Amino acid sequence: MAAFEDPSVGCVTHPVAGLGEKTFGSLLDNLHLSSSAAAGMIAAKHVADRDIVVGKSMALRREDVEALGGFFSVKDVLAEDYVIGQWVTRKLGKRVVLAHTPSSTCRCARAWTPSSSATCAGASFTAQRYRPPRTWRRRSSTRFHSRRWAR
């Protein structure tokens, strides 16, 4: 990446855009990514001079990651990508650069069910079979009792 030629750059992130919609739901998801998420990242950077880093589209130097304590240092943080972006500027004193090209996310048509798994453009989406906890199972009523719950 050309941005990393500058030693004052600690992180490069890309606006996120969706592609590959084949259903109405994936079209809505792509519209949200392209019009809201990506636009918000760009506006935050250029209007408010705030950095919003998205994990799927961020690049860091190995030495900068190690200087921040590695990814282990944010293992208990829900928005670890955002926190890493903040630490790059606050702890390392380096800049976060917003790239000009978007990072594309494939939203192919796929139906999610508790027992399904699907693959989309090289990214694997796997769902484990859902079994409710014992406290949720109804045993007294024959209307709600079935063999699939009793397994």
N, C-alpha and C. Protein backbone atom coordinates (compact mmCIF):
# COMPACT_ATOMS: atom_id res chain seq x y z
N MET A 1 0.83 -1.18 0.00
CA MET A 1 0.00 0.00 0.00
C MET A 1 0.87 1.24 0.00
N ALA A 2 0.53 2.18 -0.82
CA ALA A 2 1.30 3.41 -0.94
C ALA A 2 1.28 4.22 0.34
N ALA A 3 0.18 4.15 1.09
CA ALA A 3 0.06 4.95 2.32
C ALA A 3 1.11 4.54 3.35
N PHE A 4 1.53 3.28 3.35
CA PHE A 4 2.51 2.81 4.33
C PHE A 4 3.93 3.24 4.00
N GLU A 5 4.13 3.90 2.86
CA GLU A 5 5.45 4.46 2.56
C GLU A 5 5.76 5.61 3.51
N ASP A 6 4.73 6.23 4.04
CA ASP A 6 4.87 7.32 5.01
C ASP A 6 4.97 6.70 6.41
N PRO A 7 6.07 6.88 7.13
CA PRO A 7 6.21 6.27 8.45
C PRO A 7 5.25 6.82 9.50
N SER A 8 4.61 7.96 9.24
CA SER A 8 3.67 8.52 10.21
C SER A 8 2.30 7.86 10.13
N VAL A 9 2.09 6.97 9.14
CA VAL A 9 0.83 6.25 8.98
C VAL A 9 0.91 4.95 9.76
N GLY A 10 -0.05 4.75 10.67
CA GLY A 10 -0.07 3.54 11.47
C GLY A 10 -1.14 2.56 11.07
N CYS A 11 -2.18 3.05 10.40
CA CYS A 11 -3.30 2.19 10.03
C CYS A 11 -3.94 2.72 8.74
N VAL A 12 -4.30 1.81 7.87
CA VAL A 12 -5.04 2.16 6.65
C VAL A 12 -6.35 1.39 6.70
N THR A 13 -7.45 2.10 6.52
CA THR A 13 -8.76 1.47 6.49
C THR A 13 -9.49 1.90 5.22
N HIS A 14 -10.43 1.09 4.81
CA HIS A 14 -11.19 1.35 3.59
C HIS A 14 -12.66 1.51 3.92
N PRO A 15 -13.38 2.37 3.18
CA PRO A 15 -14.84 2.38 3.33
C PRO A 15 -15.40 1.03 2.87
N VAL A 16 -16.47 0.58 3.47
CA VAL A 16 -17.04 -0.73 3.13
C VAL A 16 -18.19 -0.54 2.16
N ALA A 17 -18.24 -1.40 1.15
CA ALA A 17 -19.32 -1.39 0.17
C ALA A 17 -19.78 -2.81 -0.06
N GLY A 18 -21.06 -2.98 -0.30
CA GLY A 18 -21.60 -4.31 -0.55
C GLY A 18 -21.75 -4.56 -2.04
N LEU A 19 -21.64 -5.81 -2.42
CA LEU A 19 -21.86 -6.20 -3.82
C LEU A 19 -22.39 -7.62 -3.86
N GLY A 20 -22.90 -8.01 -5.01
CA GLY A 20 -23.33 -9.38 -5.22
C GLY A 20 -24.73 -9.69 -4.74
N GLU A 21 -25.59 -8.68 -4.65
CA GLU A 21 -26.94 -8.95 -4.15
C GLU A 21 -27.75 -9.76 -5.15
N LYS A 22 -28.44 -10.76 -4.62
CA LYS A 22 -29.31 -11.59 -5.44
C LYS A 22 -30.71 -11.68 -4.87
N THR A 23 -30.88 -11.18 -3.66
CA THR A 23 -32.19 -11.16 -3.04
C THR A 23 -32.49 -9.75 -2.57
N PHE A 24 -33.74 -9.50 -2.24
CA PHE A 24 -34.12 -8.18 -1.76
C PHE A 24 -33.42 -7.85 -0.45
N GLY A 25 -33.29 -8.84 0.42
CA GLY A 25 -32.62 -8.63 1.70
C GLY A 25 -31.15 -8.27 1.54
N SER A 26 -30.46 -8.96 0.63
CA SER A 26 -29.04 -8.64 0.42
C SER A 26 -28.89 -7.29 -0.28
N LEU A 27 -29.87 -6.91 -1.09
CA LEU A 27 -29.86 -5.58 -1.71
C LEU A 27 -29.96 -4.51 -0.63
N LEU A 28 -30.87 -4.70 0.33
CA LEU A 28 -31.01 -3.73 1.42
C LEU A 28 -29.74 -3.65 2.27
N ASP A 29 -29.11 -4.79 2.50
CA ASP A 29 -27.87 -4.82 3.27
C ASP A 29 -26.77 -4.05 2.53
N ASN A 30 -26.66 -4.27 1.23
CA ASN A 30 -25.66 -3.57 0.44
C ASN A 30 -25.93 -2.07 0.38
N LEU A 31 -27.19 -1.70 0.28
CA LEU A 31 -27.53 -0.27 0.29
C LEU A 31 -27.13 0.37 1.62
N HIS A 32 -27.34 -0.34 2.72
CA HIS A 32 -26.94 0.18 4.02
C HIS A 32 -25.42 0.35 4.09
N LEU A 33 -24.68 -0.67 3.66
CA LEU A 33 -23.22 -0.57 3.71
C LEU A 33 -22.71 0.58 2.85
N SER A 34 -23.23 0.69 1.64
CA SER A 34 -22.72 1.69 0.70
C SER A 34 -23.18 3.11 1.02
N SER A 35 -24.42 3.25 1.48
CA SER A 35 -24.93 4.60 1.69
C SER A 35 -24.78 5.10 3.12
N SER A 36 -24.79 4.22 4.08
CA SER A 36 -24.73 4.65 5.46
C SER A 36 -23.36 4.38 6.09
N ALA A 37 -22.92 3.16 6.07
CA ALA A 37 -21.66 2.80 6.73
C ALA A 37 -20.47 3.48 6.03
N ALA A 38 -20.37 3.33 4.73
CA ALA A 38 -19.25 3.92 3.99
C ALA A 38 -19.32 5.45 4.04
N ALA A 39 -20.51 5.99 3.83
CA ALA A 39 -20.66 7.45 3.87
C ALA A 39 -20.34 7.99 5.26
N GLY A 40 -20.70 7.26 6.29
CA GLY A 40 -20.39 7.68 7.66
C GLY A 40 -18.89 7.69 7.93
N MET A 41 -18.19 6.68 7.42
CA MET A 41 -16.73 6.63 7.59
C MET A 41 -16.07 7.82 6.89
N ILE A 42 -16.52 8.10 5.68
CA ILE A 42 -15.92 9.19 4.90
C ILE A 42 -16.24 10.54 5.53
N ALA A 43 -17.50 10.74 5.92
CA ALA A 43 -17.88 12.00 6.55
C ALA A 43 -17.18 12.21 7.88
N ALA A 44 -17.07 11.16 8.68
CA ALA A 44 -16.39 11.29 9.97
C ALA A 44 -14.95 11.73 9.78
N LYS A 45 -14.28 11.20 8.77
CA LYS A 45 -12.88 11.54 8.52
C LYS A 45 -12.73 12.95 7.97
N HIS A 46 -13.54 13.30 6.99
CA HIS A 46 -13.33 14.57 6.28
C HIS A 46 -14.06 15.75 6.91
N VAL A 47 -15.16 15.52 7.59
CA VAL A 47 -15.91 16.63 8.18
C VAL A 47 -15.53 16.84 9.64
N ALA A 48 -15.45 15.75 10.41
CA ALA A 48 -15.21 15.87 11.84
C ALA A 48 -13.79 15.47 12.24
N ASP A 49 -12.96 15.07 11.29
CA ASP A 49 -11.60 14.61 11.55
C ASP A 49 -11.56 13.51 12.61
N ARG A 50 -12.50 12.58 12.51
CA ARG A 50 -12.59 11.42 13.40
C ARG A 50 -12.31 10.16 12.59
N ASP A 51 -11.63 9.22 13.22
CA ASP A 51 -11.29 7.98 12.54
C ASP A 51 -12.24 6.87 12.95
N ILE A 52 -12.88 6.25 11.97
CA ILE A 52 -13.69 5.07 12.20
C ILE A 52 -13.02 3.94 11.43
N VAL A 53 -12.50 2.99 12.16
CA VAL A 53 -11.77 1.88 11.55
C VAL A 53 -12.66 0.65 11.57
N VAL A 54 -12.78 0.01 10.42
CA VAL A 54 -13.57 -1.22 10.30
C VAL A 54 -12.59 -2.38 10.17
N GLY A 55 -12.74 -3.36 11.05
CA GLY A 55 -11.79 -4.46 11.13
C GLY A 55 -11.55 -5.22 9.85
N LYS A 56 -12.60 -5.44 9.07
CA LYS A 56 -12.44 -6.23 7.85
C LYS A 56 -11.67 -5.49 6.77
N SER A 57 -11.43 -4.19 7.00
CA SER A 57 -10.75 -3.42 5.97
C SER A 57 -9.57 -2.63 6.52
N MET A 58 -8.98 -3.07 7.63
CA MET A 58 -7.86 -2.31 8.19
C MET A 58 -6.55 -3.05 7.96
N ALA A 59 -5.51 -2.28 7.77
CA ALA A 59 -4.16 -2.83 7.61
C ALA A 59 -3.25 -2.11 8.59
N LEU A 60 -2.41 -2.89 9.26
CA LEU A 60 -1.47 -2.36 10.24
C LEU A 60 -0.10 -2.99 10.01
N ARG A 61 0.93 -2.28 10.40
CA ARG A 61 2.26 -2.86 10.37
C ARG A 61 2.41 -3.80 11.57
N ARG A 62 3.16 -4.86 11.39
CA ARG A 62 3.39 -5.83 12.47
C ARG A 62 3.99 -5.15 13.70
N GLU A 63 4.97 -4.28 13.50
CA GLU A 63 5.61 -3.63 14.65
C GLU A 63 4.65 -2.71 15.40
N ASP A 64 3.69 -2.13 14.69
CA ASP A 64 2.68 -1.29 15.36
C ASP A 64 1.71 -2.14 16.17
N VAL A 65 1.33 -3.28 15.63
CA VAL A 65 0.45 -4.20 16.37
C VAL A 65 1.15 -4.66 17.64
N GLU A 66 2.42 -5.01 17.53
CA GLU A 66 3.18 -5.45 18.70
C GLU A 66 3.35 -4.33 19.71
N ALA A 67 3.53 -3.08 19.23
CA ALA A 67 3.67 -1.94 20.14
C ALA A 67 2.37 -1.66 20.90
N LEU A 68 1.24 -2.03 20.31
CA LEU A 68 -0.05 -1.86 20.98
C LEU A 68 -0.38 -3.01 21.92
N GLY A 69 0.46 -4.02 21.97
CA GLY A 69 0.22 -5.17 22.84
C GLY A 69 -0.37 -6.35 22.11
N GLY A 70 -0.40 -6.30 20.80
CA GLY A 70 -0.95 -7.39 20.00
C GLY A 70 -2.47 -7.40 20.04
N PHE A 71 -3.05 -8.30 19.28
CA PHE A 71 -4.51 -8.39 19.25
C PHE A 71 -5.05 -8.95 20.56
N PHE A 72 -4.19 -9.60 21.31
CA PHE A 72 -4.60 -10.13 22.61
C PHE A 72 -5.01 -9.00 23.56
N SER A 73 -4.45 -7.81 23.38
CA SER A 73 -4.75 -6.70 24.27
C SER A 73 -6.19 -6.19 24.11
N VAL A 74 -6.86 -6.55 23.02
CA VAL A 74 -8.25 -6.13 22.82
C VAL A 74 -9.20 -7.33 22.75
N LYS A 75 -8.77 -8.44 23.30
CA LYS A 75 -9.57 -9.67 23.21
C LYS A 75 -10.92 -9.57 23.91
N ASP A 76 -11.04 -8.72 24.91
CA ASP A 76 -12.28 -8.58 25.66
C ASP A 76 -13.09 -7.36 25.25
N VAL A 77 -12.73 -6.72 24.16
CA VAL A 77 -13.40 -5.51 23.70
C VAL A 77 -14.33 -5.86 22.55
N LEU A 78 -15.57 -5.39 22.63
CA LEU A 78 -16.54 -5.69 21.58
C LEU A 78 -16.17 -5.01 20.26
N ALA A 79 -15.83 -3.75 20.29
CA ALA A 79 -15.48 -3.00 19.08
C ALA A 79 -13.97 -2.84 19.00
N GLU A 80 -13.28 -3.97 18.93
CA GLU A 80 -11.82 -3.95 18.97
C GLU A 80 -11.22 -3.21 17.79
N ASP A 81 -11.85 -3.24 16.63
CA ASP A 81 -11.33 -2.53 15.48
C ASP A 81 -11.33 -1.02 15.71
N TYR A 82 -12.40 -0.51 16.27
CA TYR A 82 -12.49 0.92 16.58
C TYR A 82 -11.44 1.30 17.62
N VAL A 83 -11.29 0.47 18.65
CA VAL A 83 -10.32 0.75 19.71
C VAL A 83 -8.90 0.74 19.15
N ILE A 84 -8.58 -0.21 18.29
CA ILE A 84 -7.25 -0.24 17.68
C ILE A 84 -7.01 1.03 16.89
N GLY A 85 -8.01 1.49 16.15
CA GLY A 85 -7.88 2.74 15.41
C GLY A 85 -7.62 3.93 16.32
N GLN A 86 -8.29 3.95 17.47
CA GLN A 86 -8.06 5.03 18.43
C GLN A 86 -6.67 4.93 19.05
N TRP A 87 -6.22 3.72 19.36
CA TRP A 87 -4.90 3.53 19.97
C TRP A 87 -3.77 3.90 19.02
N VAL A 88 -3.99 3.70 17.72
CA VAL A 88 -2.94 4.05 16.75
C VAL A 88 -2.63 5.54 16.87
N THR A 89 -3.66 6.36 17.02
CA THR A 89 -3.41 7.80 17.13
C THR A 89 -3.02 8.21 18.54
N ARG A 90 -3.66 7.65 19.55
CA ARG A 90 -3.41 8.08 20.93
C ARG A 90 -2.13 7.51 21.53
N LYS A 91 -1.89 6.22 21.34
CA LYS A 91 -0.73 5.58 21.96
C LYS A 91 0.52 5.64 21.09
N LEU A 92 0.34 5.49 19.79
CA LEU A 92 1.50 5.48 18.90
C LEU A 92 1.80 6.84 18.28
N GLY A 93 0.82 7.74 18.32
CA GLY A 93 1.01 9.06 17.72
C GLY A 93 1.08 9.03 16.21
N LYS A 94 0.46 8.00 15.61
CA LYS A 94 0.48 7.87 14.15
C LYS A 94 -0.90 8.19 13.59
N ARG A 95 -0.94 8.32 12.27
CA ARG A 95 -2.19 8.67 11.60
C ARG A 95 -2.93 7.44 11.10
N VAL A 96 -4.26 7.57 11.01
CA VAL A 96 -5.12 6.59 10.35
C VAL A 96 -5.51 7.18 9.01
N VAL A 97 -5.26 6.45 7.95
CA VAL A 97 -5.55 6.93 6.60
C VAL A 97 -6.77 6.18 6.07
N LEU A 98 -7.69 6.93 5.50
CA LEU A 98 -8.86 6.35 4.84
C LEU A 98 -8.54 6.21 3.36
N ALA A 99 -8.49 4.98 2.88
CA ALA A 99 -8.13 4.72 1.49
C ALA A 99 -9.24 5.22 0.54
N HIS A 100 -8.87 5.41 -0.69
CA HIS A 100 -9.82 5.89 -1.69
C HIS A 100 -10.66 4.78 -2.31
N THR A 101 -10.19 3.56 -2.22
CA THR A 101 -10.93 2.44 -2.80
C THR A 101 -11.71 1.71 -1.71
N PRO A 102 -12.94 1.32 -2.00
CA PRO A 102 -13.74 0.62 -0.98
C PRO A 102 -13.33 -0.84 -0.83
N SER A 103 -13.62 -1.37 0.33
CA SER A 103 -13.47 -2.80 0.58
C SER A 103 -14.83 -3.42 0.31
N SER A 104 -14.90 -4.34 -0.62
CA SER A 104 -16.18 -4.92 -1.01
C SER A 104 -16.52 -6.12 -0.16
N THR A 105 -17.76 -6.19 0.26
CA THR A 105 -18.27 -7.30 1.04
C THR A 105 -19.35 -7.99 0.22
N CYS A 106 -19.21 -9.28 0.02
CA CYS A 106 -20.17 -10.04 -0.78
C CYS A 106 -21.39 -10.37 0.06
N ARG A 107 -22.55 -10.02 -0.43
CA ARG A 107 -23.82 -10.36 0.21
C ARG A 107 -24.61 -11.21 -0.76
N CYS A 108 -24.10 -12.41 -1.02
CA CYS A 108 -24.75 -13.32 -1.95
C CYS A 108 -26.03 -13.87 -1.35
N ALA A 109 -26.86 -14.40 -2.19
CA ALA A 109 -28.12 -14.99 -1.71
C ALA A 109 -27.81 -16.24 -0.93
N ARG A 110 -28.26 -16.28 0.28
CA ARG A 110 -28.11 -17.47 1.09
C ARG A 110 -29.19 -17.45 2.16
N ALA A 111 -29.77 -18.55 2.36
CA ALA A 111 -30.79 -18.67 3.40
C ALA A 111 -30.14 -19.22 4.65
N TRP A 112 -30.31 -18.54 5.75
CA TRP A 112 -29.72 -18.99 7.00
C TRP A 112 -30.75 -19.77 7.78
N THR A 113 -30.38 -20.94 8.16
CA THR A 113 -31.19 -21.75 9.06
C THR A 113 -30.27 -22.27 10.14
N PRO A 114 -30.81 -22.65 11.28
CA PRO A 114 -29.93 -23.10 12.36
C PRO A 114 -29.02 -24.26 11.99
N SER A 115 -29.39 -25.07 11.04
CA SER A 115 -28.55 -26.22 10.71
C SER A 115 -27.82 -26.05 9.38
N SER A 116 -27.80 -24.85 8.84
CA SER A 116 -27.18 -24.67 7.52
C SER A 116 -25.79 -24.09 7.63
N SER A 117 -25.06 -24.24 6.57
CA SER A 117 -23.80 -23.52 6.41
C SER A 117 -23.70 -23.15 4.94
N ALA A 118 -23.06 -22.04 4.65
CA ALA A 118 -22.96 -21.58 3.27
C ALA A 118 -21.60 -20.95 3.04
N THR A 119 -21.21 -20.86 1.79
CA THR A 119 -19.96 -20.21 1.44
C THR A 119 -20.26 -19.12 0.44
N CYS A 120 -19.61 -17.98 0.60
CA CYS A 120 -19.88 -16.83 -0.26
C CYS A 120 -18.57 -16.15 -0.61
N ALA A 121 -18.18 -16.20 -1.85
CA ALA A 121 -17.02 -15.48 -2.37
C ALA A 121 -15.76 -15.68 -1.53
N GLY A 122 -15.51 -16.92 -1.15
CA GLY A 122 -14.29 -17.22 -0.41
C GLY A 122 -14.41 -17.05 1.09
N ALA A 123 -15.45 -16.40 1.56
CA ALA A 123 -15.64 -16.25 3.00
C ALA A 123 -16.60 -17.33 3.46
N SER A 124 -16.26 -17.98 4.51
CA SER A 124 -17.08 -19.09 4.98
C SER A 124 -17.98 -18.64 6.11
N PHE A 125 -19.26 -18.90 5.97
CA PHE A 125 -20.23 -18.58 7.01
C PHE A 125 -20.80 -19.90 7.50
N THR A 126 -20.54 -20.24 8.72
CA THR A 126 -20.99 -21.51 9.26
C THR A 126 -21.85 -21.26 10.47
N ALA A 127 -22.97 -21.92 10.52
CA ALA A 127 -23.86 -21.81 11.68
C ALA A 127 -23.93 -23.15 12.36
N GLN A 128 -23.83 -23.14 13.67
CA GLN A 128 -23.98 -24.37 14.41
C GLN A 128 -25.45 -24.62 14.66
N ARG A 129 -25.79 -25.86 14.80
CA ARG A 129 -27.17 -26.21 15.05
C ARG A 129 -27.61 -25.64 16.39
N TYR A 130 -28.73 -24.98 16.40
CA TYR A 130 -29.22 -24.34 17.60
C TYR A 130 -30.06 -25.30 18.42
N ARG A 131 -29.74 -25.40 19.69
CA ARG A 131 -30.54 -26.20 20.63
C ARG A 131 -30.84 -25.31 21.82
N PRO A 132 -32.09 -25.07 22.11
CA PRO A 132 -32.41 -24.22 23.25
C PRO A 132 -31.99 -24.89 24.55
N PRO A 133 -31.69 -24.09 25.57
CA PRO A 133 -31.35 -24.67 26.87
C PRO A 133 -32.52 -25.47 27.43
N ARG A 134 -32.23 -26.39 28.33
CA ARG A 134 -33.27 -27.24 28.91
C ARG A 134 -34.40 -26.44 29.52
N THR A 135 -34.11 -25.30 30.07
CA THR A 135 -35.16 -24.52 30.73
C THR A 135 -36.19 -24.01 29.73
N TRP A 136 -35.83 -23.94 28.45
CA TRP A 136 -36.78 -23.47 27.45
C TRP A 136 -37.68 -24.57 26.92
N ARG A 137 -37.28 -25.80 27.12
CA ARG A 137 -38.03 -26.92 26.55
C ARG A 137 -39.34 -27.14 27.30
N ARG A 138 -40.36 -27.37 26.56
CA ARG A 138 -41.66 -27.64 27.17
C ARG A 138 -41.92 -29.14 27.12
N ARG A 139 -42.15 -29.71 28.27
CA ARG A 139 -42.35 -31.16 28.34
C ARG A 139 -43.79 -31.52 28.65
N SER A 140 -44.50 -30.63 29.27
CA SER A 140 -45.83 -30.99 29.76
C SER A 140 -46.89 -30.97 28.67
N SER A 141 -46.75 -30.15 27.69
CA SER A 141 -47.76 -30.02 26.66
C SER A 141 -47.39 -30.83 25.43
N THR A 142 -48.31 -31.66 24.98
CA THR A 142 -48.04 -32.46 23.79
C THR A 142 -48.00 -31.59 22.55
N ARG A 143 -48.65 -30.43 22.60
CA ARG A 143 -48.65 -29.52 21.45
C ARG A 143 -47.23 -29.03 21.14
N PHE A 144 -46.43 -28.75 22.16
CA PHE A 144 -45.09 -28.22 21.96
C PHE A 144 -44.00 -29.29 22.06
N HIS A 145 -44.37 -30.47 22.49
CA HIS A 145 -43.37 -31.51 22.67
C HIS A 145 -43.19 -32.28 21.36
N SER A 146 -41.96 -32.45 20.97
CA SER A 146 -41.68 -33.23 19.76
C SER A 146 -40.34 -33.93 19.96
N ARG A 147 -40.04 -34.85 19.10
CA ARG A 147 -38.80 -35.60 19.23
C ARG A 147 -37.57 -34.74 19.01
N ARG A 148 -37.69 -33.73 18.15
CA ARG A 148 -36.49 -32.91 17.89
C ARG A 148 -36.06 -32.15 19.13
N TRP A 149 -36.96 -31.79 20.02
CA TRP A 149 -36.60 -31.10 21.25
C TRP A 149 -36.05 -32.07 22.30
N ALA A 150 -36.42 -33.32 22.18
CA ALA A 150 -36.04 -34.30 23.19
C ALA A 150 -34.66 -34.90 22.96
N ARG A 151 -34.05 -34.64 21.81
CA ARG A 151 -32.73 -35.21 21.49
C ARG A 151 -31.68 -34.83 22.47
